[in-house]
Amino acid sequence: MGLANVLAGIRAGVDRYDSSLGGLGGCPFATGATGNICTEDLVHMLHMMGHSTNVDLDGLLSIARDLPGIVGHDVPGQVIKAGKVSDLHPIPNWAI
């Protein structure tokens, strides 16, 4: 729900958000706390919506892709798994 909350915040005029690379974090006191909004997912969403962030998304993704090996477990970031919208390939001719 974090990204949806950012969208609601944008509509309300909020222009600063907290996130973490790979969504690392969470709260040791909140059972089941899932962590933070993934910075790379947030920046990708904002760029696709036409917002300027002054953040190098490709640089973020380069580092985020290394995180699972560094921390020893999967991270919740979706853009590192699915790729950026601009990374999509055309539909193959056989599928049309």
PDB file of N, CA and C in Angstrom:
ATOM      1  N   MET A   1       0.823  -1.200   0.000  1.00  0.00           N
ATOM      2  CA  MET A   1       0.000   0.000   0.000  1.00  0.00           C
ATOM      3  C   MET A   1       0.865   1.261   0.000  1.00  0.00           C
ATOM      4  N   GLY A   2       2.163   1.097   0.199  1.00  0.00           N
ATOM      5  CA  GLY A   2       3.042   2.253   0.294  1.00  0.00           C
ATOM      6  C   GLY A   2       3.008   3.141  -0.936  1.00  0.00           C
ATOM      7  N   LEU A   3       3.077   2.543  -2.132  1.00  0.00           N
ATOM      8  CA  LEU A   3       3.063   3.350  -3.348  1.00  0.00           C
ATOM      9  C   LEU A   3       1.712   4.033  -3.540  1.00  0.00           C
ATOM     10  N   ALA A   4       0.640   3.346  -3.180  1.00  0.00           N
ATOM     11  CA  ALA A   4      -0.689   3.963  -3.248  1.00  0.00           C
ATOM     12  C   ALA A   4      -0.769   5.149  -2.287  1.00  0.00           C
ATOM     13  N   ASN A   5      -0.157   5.014  -1.128  1.00  0.00           N
ATOM     14  CA  ASN A   5      -0.141   6.129  -0.175  1.00  0.00           C
ATOM     15  C   ASN A   5       0.653   7.306  -0.712  1.00  0.00           C
ATOM     16  N   VAL A   6       1.717   7.037  -1.451  1.00  0.00           N
ATOM     17  CA  VAL A   6       2.471   8.122  -2.081  1.00  0.00           C
ATOM     18  C   VAL A   6       1.582   8.850  -3.082  1.00  0.00           C
ATOM     19  N   LEU A   7       0.826   8.109  -3.876  1.00  0.00           N
ATOM     20  CA  LEU A   7      -0.071   8.746  -4.846  1.00  0.00           C
ATOM     21  C   LEU A   7      -1.085   9.640  -4.142  1.00  0.00           C
ATOM     22  N   ALA A   8      -1.630   9.167  -3.042  1.00  0.00           N
ATOM     23  CA  ALA A   8      -2.571   9.984  -2.276  1.00  0.00           C
ATOM     24  C   ALA A   8      -1.862  11.213  -1.721  1.00  0.00           C
ATOM     25  N   GLY A   9      -0.637  11.036  -1.269  1.00  0.00           N
ATOM     26  CA  GLY A   9       0.130  12.165  -0.757  1.00  0.00           C
ATOM     27  C   GLY A   9       0.418  13.200  -1.829  1.00  0.00           C
ATOM     28  N   ILE A  10       0.751  12.752  -3.032  1.00  0.00           N
ATOM     29  CA  ILE A  10       1.001  13.676  -4.137  1.00  0.00           C
ATOM     30  C   ILE A  10      -0.243  14.515  -4.405  1.00  0.00           C
ATOM     31  N   ARG A  11      -1.397  13.856  -4.425  1.00  0.00           N
ATOM     32  CA  ARG A  11      -2.654  14.589  -4.642  1.00  0.00           C
ATOM     33  C   ARG A  11      -2.901  15.618  -3.544  1.00  0.00           C
ATOM     34  N   ALA A  12      -2.395  15.337  -2.347  1.00  0.00           N
ATOM     35  CA  ALA A  12      -2.588  16.253  -1.215  1.00  0.00           C
ATOM     36  C   ALA A  12      -1.478  17.301  -1.126  1.00  0.00           C
ATOM     37  N   GLY A  13      -0.496  17.230  -2.041  1.00  0.00           N
ATOM     38  CA  GLY A  13       0.552  18.240  -2.070  1.00  0.00           C
ATOM     39  C   GLY A  13       1.856  17.862  -1.383  1.00  0.00           C
ATOM     40  N   VAL A  14       1.969  16.630  -0.898  1.00  0.00           N
ATOM     41  CA  VAL A  14       3.207  16.193  -0.258  1.00  0.00           C
ATOM     42  C   VAL A  14       4.281  16.018  -1.330  1.00  0.00           C
ATOM     43  N   ASP A  15       5.491  16.500  -1.059  1.00  0.00           N
ATOM     44  CA  ASP A  15       6.544  16.378  -2.060  1.00  0.00           C
ATOM     45  C   ASP A  15       7.837  15.754  -1.528  1.00  0.00           C
ATOM     46  N   ARG A  16       7.801  15.141  -0.352  1.00  0.00           N
ATOM     47  CA  ARG A  16       8.948  14.433   0.212  1.00  0.00           C
ATOM     48  C   ARG A  16       8.459  13.093   0.775  1.00  0.00           C
ATOM     49  N   TYR A  17       9.218  12.028   0.455  1.00  0.00           N
ATOM     50  CA  TYR A  17       8.834  10.693   0.888  1.00  0.00           C
ATOM     51  C   TYR A  17      10.055   9.945   1.395  1.00  0.00           C
ATOM     52  N   ASP A  18       9.824   8.994   2.267  1.00  0.00           N
ATOM     53  CA  ASP A  18      10.881   8.158   2.801  1.00  0.00           C
ATOM     54  C   ASP A  18      10.773   6.783   2.151  1.00  0.00           C
ATOM     55  N   SER A  19      11.906   6.255   1.735  1.00  0.00           N
ATOM     56  CA  SER A  19      11.941   4.925   1.137  1.00  0.00           C
ATOM     57  C   SER A  19      13.314   4.333   1.415  1.00  0.00           C
ATOM     58  N   SER A  20      13.511   3.084   1.037  1.00  0.00           N
ATOM     59  CA  SER A  20      14.825   2.474   1.221  1.00  0.00           C
ATOM     60  C   SER A  20      15.144   1.584   0.031  1.00  0.00           C
ATOM     61  N   LEU A  21      16.410   1.574  -0.337  1.00  0.00           N
ATOM     62  CA  LEU A  21      16.853   0.757  -1.454  1.00  0.00           C
ATOM     63  C   LEU A  21      16.475  -0.695  -1.204  1.00  0.00           C
ATOM     64  N   GLY A  22      15.806  -1.283  -2.159  1.00  0.00           N
ATOM     65  CA  GLY A  22      15.388  -2.672  -2.039  1.00  0.00           C
ATOM     66  C   GLY A  22      14.254  -2.903  -1.063  1.00  0.00           C
ATOM     67  N   GLY A  23      13.749  -1.841  -0.439  1.00  0.00           N
ATOM     68  CA  GLY A  23      12.691  -1.995   0.554  1.00  0.00           C
ATOM     69  C   GLY A  23      13.203  -2.559   1.860  1.00  0.00           C
ATOM     70  N   LEU A  24      14.515  -2.486   2.062  1.00  0.00           N
ATOM     71  CA  LEU A  24      15.093  -3.019   3.298  1.00  0.00           C
ATOM     72  C   LEU A  24      14.584  -2.232   4.495  1.00  0.00           C
ATOM     73  N   GLY A  25      14.445  -2.907   5.581  1.00  0.00           N
ATOM     74  CA  GLY A  25      14.008  -2.246   6.806  1.00  0.00           C
ATOM     75  C   GLY A  25      12.824  -2.953   7.401  1.00  0.00           C
ATOM     76  N   GLY A  26      12.033  -2.205   8.079  1.00  0.00           N
ATOM     77  CA  GLY A  26      10.898  -2.774   8.785  1.00  0.00           C
ATOM     78  C   GLY A  26      10.978  -2.376  10.234  1.00  0.00           C
ATOM     79  N   CYS A  27      10.109  -2.897  11.012  1.00  0.00           N
ATOM     80  CA  CYS A  27      10.072  -2.540  12.427  1.00  0.00           C
ATOM     81  C   CYS A  27      10.127  -3.813  13.268  1.00  0.00           C
ATOM     82  N   PRO A  28      11.139  -3.933  14.127  1.00  0.00           N
ATOM     83  CA  PRO A  28      11.227  -5.139  14.944  1.00  0.00           C
ATOM     84  C   PRO A  28      10.111  -5.247  15.983  1.00  0.00           C
ATOM     85  N   PHE A  29       9.375  -4.184  16.196  1.00  0.00           N
ATOM     86  CA  PHE A  29       8.315  -4.172  17.205  1.00  0.00           C
ATOM     87  C   PHE A  29       6.937  -4.452  16.619  1.00  0.00           C
ATOM     88  N   ALA A  30       6.823  -4.405  15.289  1.00  0.00           N
ATOM     89  CA  ALA A  30       5.533  -4.631  14.628  1.00  0.00           C
ATOM     90  C   ALA A  30       5.557  -6.005  13.962  1.00  0.00           C
ATOM     91  N   THR A  31       4.867  -6.938  14.525  1.00  0.00           N
ATOM     92  CA  THR A  31       4.833  -8.289  13.981  1.00  0.00           C
ATOM     93  C   THR A  31       4.334  -8.267  12.541  1.00  0.00           C
ATOM     94  N   GLY A  32       5.108  -8.855  11.657  1.00  0.00           N
ATOM     95  CA  GLY A  32       4.709  -8.923  10.246  1.00  0.00           C
ATOM     96  C   GLY A  32       5.008  -7.675   9.449  1.00  0.00           C
ATOM     97  N   ALA A  33       5.706  -6.699  10.048  1.00  0.00           N
ATOM     98  CA  ALA A  33       6.049  -5.477   9.306  1.00  0.00           C
ATOM     99  C   ALA A  33       6.864  -5.875   8.077  1.00  0.00           C
ATOM    100  N   THR A  34       6.455  -5.395   6.930  1.00  0.00           N
ATOM    101  CA  THR A  34       7.061  -5.840   5.681  1.00  0.00           C
ATOM    102  C   THR A  34       8.252  -5.022   5.253  1.00  0.00           C
ATOM    103  N   GLY A  35       8.495  -3.891   5.824  1.00  0.00           N
ATOM    104  CA  GLY A  35       9.628  -3.076   5.419  1.00  0.00           C
ATOM    105  C   GLY A  35       9.175  -1.735   4.894  1.00  0.00           C
ATOM    106  N   ASN A  36      10.003  -1.169   4.070  1.00  0.00           N
ATOM    107  CA  ASN A  36       9.769   0.168   3.545  1.00  0.00           C
ATOM    108  C   ASN A  36       9.433   0.125   2.066  1.00  0.00           C
ATOM    109  N   ILE A  37       8.978   1.240   1.549  1.00  0.00           N
ATOM    110  CA  ILE A  37       8.781   1.371   0.108  1.00  0.00           C
ATOM    111  C   ILE A  37      10.149   1.251  -0.552  1.00  0.00           C
ATOM    112  N   CYS A  38      10.234   0.498  -1.625  1.00  0.00           N
ATOM    113  CA  CYS A  38      11.487   0.354  -2.361  1.00  0.00           C
ATOM    114  C   CYS A  38      11.767   1.642  -3.124  1.00  0.00           C
ATOM    115  N   THR A  39      12.917   2.218  -2.874  1.00  0.00           N
ATOM    116  CA  THR A  39      13.280   3.472  -3.544  1.00  0.00           C
ATOM    117  C   THR A  39      13.206   3.325  -5.053  1.00  0.00           C
ATOM    118  N   GLU A  40      13.732   2.218  -5.565  1.00  0.00           N
ATOM    119  CA  GLU A  40      13.760   2.053  -7.014  1.00  0.00           C
ATOM    120  C   GLU A  40      12.350   1.917  -7.584  1.00  0.00           C
ATOM    121  N   ASP A  41      11.441   1.264  -6.866  1.00  0.00           N
ATOM    122  CA  ASP A  41      10.051   1.158  -7.326  1.00  0.00           C
ATOM    123  C   ASP A  41       9.372   2.524  -7.286  1.00  0.00           C
ATOM    124  N   LEU A  42       9.626   3.280  -6.226  1.00  0.00           N
ATOM    125  CA  LEU A  42       9.047   4.616  -6.087  1.00  0.00           C
ATOM    126  C   LEU A  42       9.534   5.547  -7.192  1.00  0.00           C
ATOM    127  N   VAL A  43      10.835   5.563  -7.423  1.00  0.00           N
ATOM    128  CA  VAL A  43      11.403   6.440  -8.452  1.00  0.00           C
ATOM    129  C   VAL A  43      10.888   6.041  -9.832  1.00  0.00           C
ATOM    130  N   HIS A  44      10.825   4.743 -10.104  1.00  0.00           N
ATOM    131  CA  HIS A  44      10.295   4.277 -11.400  1.00  0.00           C
ATOM    132  C   HIS A  44       8.859   4.747 -11.598  1.00  0.00           C
ATOM    133  N   MET A  45       8.021   4.570 -10.571  1.00  0.00           N
ATOM    134  CA  MET A  45       6.627   4.999 -10.664  1.00  0.00           C
ATOM    135  C   MET A  45       6.540   6.504 -10.921  1.00  0.00           C
ATOM    136  N   LEU A  46       7.298   7.275 -10.158  1.00  0.00           N
ATOM    137  CA  LEU A  46       7.240   8.726 -10.318  1.00  0.00           C
ATOM    138  C   LEU A  46       7.729   9.151 -11.700  1.00  0.00           C
ATOM    139  N   HIS A  47       8.806   8.535 -12.197  1.00  0.00           N
ATOM    140  CA  HIS A  47       9.294   8.867 -13.541  1.00  0.00           C
ATOM    141  C   HIS A  47       8.233   8.536 -14.593  1.00  0.00           C
ATOM    142  N   MET A  48       7.572   7.388 -14.446  1.00  0.00           N
ATOM    143  CA  MET A  48       6.553   7.001 -15.418  1.00  0.00           C
ATOM    144  C   MET A  48       5.346   7.936 -15.367  1.00  0.00           C
ATOM    145  N   MET A  49       5.144   8.599 -14.241  1.00  0.00           N
ATOM    146  CA  MET A  49       4.045   9.552 -14.101  1.00  0.00           C
ATOM    147  C   MET A  49       4.458  10.953 -14.536  1.00  0.00           C
ATOM    148  N   GLY A  50       5.729  11.123 -14.948  1.00  0.00           N
ATOM    149  CA  GLY A  50       6.191  12.418 -15.431  1.00  0.00           C
ATOM    150  C   GLY A  50       6.772  13.323 -14.363  1.00  0.00           C
ATOM    151  N   HIS A  51       6.998  12.793 -13.160  1.00  0.00           N
ATOM    152  CA  HIS A  51       7.580  13.597 -12.083  1.00  0.00           C
ATOM    153  C   HIS A  51       9.102  13.570 -12.189  1.00  0.00           C
ATOM    154  N   SER A  52       9.720  14.696 -11.926  1.00  0.00           N
ATOM    155  CA  SER A  52      11.167  14.778 -11.884  1.00  0.00           C
ATOM    156  C   SER A  52      11.632  14.450 -10.467  1.00  0.00           C
ATOM    157  N   THR A  53      12.617  13.551 -10.346  1.00  0.00           N
ATOM    158  CA  THR A  53      13.101  13.167  -9.023  1.00  0.00           C
ATOM    159  C   THR A  53      14.572  13.522  -8.808  1.00  0.00           C
ATOM    160  N   ASN A  54      15.279  13.827  -9.877  1.00  0.00           N
ATOM    161  CA  ASN A  54      16.727  14.049  -9.804  1.00  0.00           C
ATOM    162  C   ASN A  54      17.460  12.829  -9.270  1.00  0.00           C
ATOM    163  N   VAL A  55      16.891  11.640  -9.490  1.00  0.00           N
ATOM    164  CA  VAL A  55      17.494  10.390  -9.045  1.00  0.00           C
ATOM    165  C   VAL A  55      17.818   9.552 -10.279  1.00  0.00           C
ATOM    166  N   ASP A  56      18.992   8.955 -10.292  1.00  0.00           N
ATOM    167  CA  ASP A  56      19.428   8.088 -11.382  1.00  0.00           C
ATOM    168  C   ASP A  56      18.841   6.692 -11.174  1.00  0.00           C
ATOM    169  N   LEU A  57      17.742   6.405 -11.840  1.00  0.00           N
ATOM    170  CA  LEU A  57      17.059   5.123 -11.663  1.00  0.00           C
ATOM    171  C   LEU A  57      17.950   3.960 -12.073  1.00  0.00           C
ATOM    172  N   ASP A  58      18.650   4.080 -13.177  1.00  0.00           N
ATOM    173  CA  ASP A  58      19.510   2.977 -13.611  1.00  0.00           C
ATOM    174  C   ASP A  58      20.606   2.705 -12.584  1.00  0.00           C
ATOM    175  N   GLY A  59      21.146   3.747 -11.974  1.00  0.00           N
ATOM    176  CA  GLY A  59      22.140   3.563 -10.918  1.00  0.00           C
ATOM    177  C   GLY A  59      21.555   2.851  -9.712  1.00  0.00           C
ATOM    178  N   LEU A  60      20.331   3.252  -9.319  1.00  0.00           N
ATOM    179  CA  LEU A  60      19.649   2.578  -8.211  1.00  0.00           C
ATOM    180  C   LEU A  60      19.450   1.102  -8.509  1.00  0.00           C
ATOM    181  N   LEU A  61      18.974   0.819  -9.706  1.00  0.00           N
ATOM    182  CA  LEU A  61      18.695  -0.575 -10.079  1.00  0.00           C
ATOM    183  C   LEU A  61      19.968  -1.417 -10.106  1.00  0.00           C
ATOM    184  N   SER A  62      21.049  -0.814 -10.541  1.00  0.00           N
ATOM    185  CA  SER A  62      22.321  -1.527 -10.568  1.00  0.00           C
ATOM    186  C   SER A  62      22.722  -1.978  -9.170  1.00  0.00           C
ATOM    187  N   ILE A  63      22.556  -1.110  -8.202  1.00  0.00           N
ATOM    188  CA  ILE A  63      22.893  -1.459  -6.817  1.00  0.00           C
ATOM    189  C   ILE A  63      21.847  -2.413  -6.233  1.00  0.00           C
ATOM    190  N   ALA A  64      20.571  -2.134  -6.487  1.00  0.00           N
ATOM    191  CA  ALA A  64      19.494  -2.956  -5.921  1.00  0.00           C
ATOM    192  C   ALA A  64      19.585  -4.404  -6.386  1.00  0.00           C
ATOM    193  N   ARG A  65      20.050  -4.626  -7.610  1.00  0.00           N
ATOM    194  CA  ARG A  65      20.178  -6.002  -8.113  1.00  0.00           C
ATOM    195  C   ARG A  65      21.213  -6.804  -7.324  1.00  0.00           C
ATOM    196  N   ASP A  66      22.168  -6.109  -6.699  1.00  0.00           N
ATOM    197  CA  ASP A  66      23.198  -6.782  -5.904  1.00  0.00           C
ATOM    198  C   ASP A  66      22.749  -7.055  -4.465  1.00  0.00           C
ATOM    199  N   LEU A  67      21.681  -6.403  -4.023  1.00  0.00           N
ATOM    200  CA  LEU A  67      21.267  -6.509  -2.620  1.00  0.00           C
ATOM    201  C   LEU A  67      20.986  -7.925  -2.128  1.00  0.00           C
ATOM    202  N   PRO A  68      20.258  -8.763  -2.872  1.00  0.00           N
ATOM    203  CA  PRO A  68      20.004 -10.111  -2.351  1.00  0.00           C
ATOM    204  C   PRO A  68      21.289 -10.860  -2.000  1.00  0.00           C
ATOM    205  N   GLY A  69      22.312 -10.697  -2.811  1.00  0.00           N
ATOM    206  CA  GLY A  69      23.581 -11.349  -2.518  1.00  0.00           C
ATOM    207  C   GLY A  69      24.278 -10.756  -1.311  1.00  0.00           C
ATOM    208  N   ILE A  70      24.078  -9.470  -1.086  1.00  0.00           N
ATOM    209  CA  ILE A  70      24.710  -8.788   0.039  1.00  0.00           C
ATOM    210  C   ILE A  70      24.021  -9.146   1.352  1.00  0.00           C
ATOM    211  N   VAL A  71      22.686  -9.107   1.355  1.00  0.00           N
ATOM    212  CA  VAL A  71      21.941  -9.333   2.599  1.00  0.00           C
ATOM    213  C   VAL A  71      21.579 -10.798   2.825  1.00  0.00           C
ATOM    214  N   GLY A  72      21.742 -11.634   1.800  1.00  0.00           N
ATOM    215  CA  GLY A  72      21.505 -13.061   1.964  1.00  0.00           C
ATOM    216  C   GLY A  72      20.058 -13.500   1.853  1.00  0.00           C
ATOM    217  N   HIS A  73      19.201 -12.650   1.313  1.00  0.00           N
ATOM    218  CA  HIS A  73      17.802 -13.028   1.092  1.00  0.00           C
ATOM    219  C   HIS A  73      17.210 -12.132   0.014  1.00  0.00           C
ATOM    220  N   ASP A  74      16.076 -12.561  -0.509  1.00  0.00           N
ATOM    221  CA  ASP A  74      15.372 -11.785  -1.531  1.00  0.00           C
ATOM    222  C   ASP A  74      14.927 -10.446  -0.948  1.00  0.00           C
ATOM    223  N   VAL A  75      14.807  -9.451  -1.803  1.00  0.00           N
ATOM    224  CA  VAL A  75      14.274  -8.150  -1.383  1.00  0.00           C
ATOM    225  C   VAL A  75      12.970  -7.913  -2.133  1.00  0.00           C
ATOM    226  N   PRO A  76      12.077  -7.100  -1.579  1.00  0.00           N
ATOM    227  CA  PRO A  76      10.741  -6.967  -2.169  1.00  0.00           C
ATOM    228  C   PRO A  76      10.640  -6.101  -3.425  1.00  0.00           C
ATOM    229  N   GLY A  77      11.711  -5.468  -3.844  1.00  0.00           N
ATOM    230  CA  GLY A  77      11.635  -4.599  -5.020  1.00  0.00           C
ATOM    231  C   GLY A  77      11.092  -5.311  -6.239  1.00  0.00           C
ATOM    232  N   GLN A  78      10.165  -4.682  -6.929  1.00  0.00           N
ATOM    233  CA  GLN A  78       9.541  -5.304  -8.102  1.00  0.00           C
ATOM    234  C   GLN A  78      10.217  -4.918  -9.412  1.00  0.00           C
ATOM    235  N   VAL A  79      10.757  -3.711  -9.492  1.00  0.00           N
ATOM    236  CA  VAL A  79      11.380  -3.281 -10.744  1.00  0.00           C
ATOM    237  C   VAL A  79      12.643  -4.103 -11.022  1.00  0.00           C
ATOM    238  N   ILE A  80      13.365  -4.511  -9.973  1.00  0.00           N
ATOM    239  CA  ILE A  80      14.550  -5.345 -10.226  1.00  0.00           C
ATOM    240  C   ILE A  80      14.156  -6.733 -10.719  1.00  0.00           C
ATOM    241  N   LYS A  81      12.936  -7.139 -10.446  1.00  0.00           N
ATOM    242  CA  LYS A  81      12.460  -8.453 -10.896  1.00  0.00           C
ATOM    243  C   LYS A  81      11.807  -8.375 -12.278  1.00  0.00           C
ATOM    244  N   ALA A  82      10.973  -7.381 -12.474  1.00  0.00           N
ATOM    245  CA  ALA A  82      10.200  -7.293 -13.717  1.00  0.00           C
ATOM    246  C   ALA A  82      10.828  -6.372 -14.753  1.00  0.00           C
ATOM    247  N   GLY A  83      11.707  -5.464 -14.319  1.00  0.00           N
ATOM    248  CA  GLY A  83      12.306  -4.500 -15.236  1.00  0.00           C
ATOM    249  C   GLY A  83      11.474  -3.236 -15.331  1.00  0.00           C
ATOM    250  N   LYS A  84      12.069  -2.232 -15.928  1.00  0.00           N
ATOM    251  CA  LYS A  84      11.374  -0.961 -16.145  1.00  0.00           C
ATOM    252  C   LYS A  84      10.376  -1.121 -17.286  1.00  0.00           C
ATOM    253  N   VAL A  85       9.393  -0.270 -17.308  1.00  0.00           N
ATOM    254  CA  VAL A  85       8.412  -0.304 -18.399  1.00  0.00           C
ATOM    255  C   VAL A  85       9.121  -0.168 -19.739  1.00  0.00           C
ATOM    256  N   SER A  86      10.154   0.664 -19.782  1.00  0.00           N
ATOM    257  CA  SER A  86      10.885   0.877 -21.037  1.00  0.00           C
ATOM    258  C   SER A  86      11.701  -0.344 -21.450  1.00  0.00           C
ATOM    259  N   ASP A  87      11.873  -1.325 -20.558  1.00  0.00           N
ATOM    260  CA  ASP A  87      12.606  -2.545 -20.881  1.00  0.00           C
ATOM    261  C   ASP A  87      11.735  -3.581 -21.581  1.00  0.00           C
ATOM    262  N   LEU A  88      10.446  -3.336 -21.683  1.00  0.00           N
ATOM    263  CA  LEU A  88       9.547  -4.314 -22.280  1.00  0.00           C
ATOM    264  C   LEU A  88       9.892  -4.550 -23.742  1.00  0.00           C
ATOM    265  N   HIS A  89       9.662  -5.739 -24.170  1.00  0.00           N
ATOM    266  CA  HIS A  89       9.936  -6.115 -25.551  1.00  0.00           C
ATOM    267  C   HIS A  89       8.626  -6.148 -26.325  1.00  0.00           C
ATOM    268  N   PRO A  90       8.705  -5.947 -27.628  1.00  0.00           N
ATOM    269  CA  PRO A  90       7.474  -6.015 -28.429  1.00  0.00           C
ATOM    270  C   PRO A  90       6.869  -7.413 -28.393  1.00  0.00           C
ATOM    271  N   ILE A  91       5.579  -7.481 -28.644  1.00  0.00           N
ATOM    272  CA  ILE A  91       4.884  -8.765 -28.707  1.00  0.00           C
ATOM    273  C   ILE A  91       5.431  -9.537 -29.918  1.00  0.00           C
ATOM    274  N   PRO A  92       5.796 -10.783 -29.728  1.00  0.00           N
ATOM    275  CA  PRO A  92       6.298 -11.577 -30.860  1.00  0.00           C
ATOM    276  C   PRO A  92       5.217 -11.740 -31.936  1.00  0.00           C
ATOM    277  N   ASN A  93       5.637 -11.832 -33.173  1.00  0.00           N
ATOM    278  CA  ASN A  93       4.685 -11.982 -34.284  1.00  0.00           C
ATOM    279  C   ASN A  93       3.790 -13.198 -34.108  1.00  0.00           C
ATOM    280  N   TRP A  94       4.327 -14.268 -33.545  1.00  0.00           N
ATOM    281  CA  TRP A  94       3.530 -15.482 -33.389  1.00  0.00           C
ATOM    282  C   TRP A  94       2.382 -15.296 -32.397  1.00  0.00           C
ATOM    283  N   ALA A  95       2.470 -14.270 -31.532  1.00  0.00           N
ATOM    284  CA  ALA A  95       1.447 -14.059 -30.511  1.00  0.00           C
ATOM    285  C   ALA A  95       0.339 -13.121 -30.992  1.00  0.00           C
ATOM    286  N   ILE A  96       0.513 -12.573 -32.156  1.00  0.00           N
ATOM    287  CA  ILE A  96      -0.502 -11.612 -32.648  1.00  0.00           C
ATOM    288  C   ILE A  96      -1.577 -12.335 -33.426  1.00  0.00           C
TER     289      ILE A  96
END
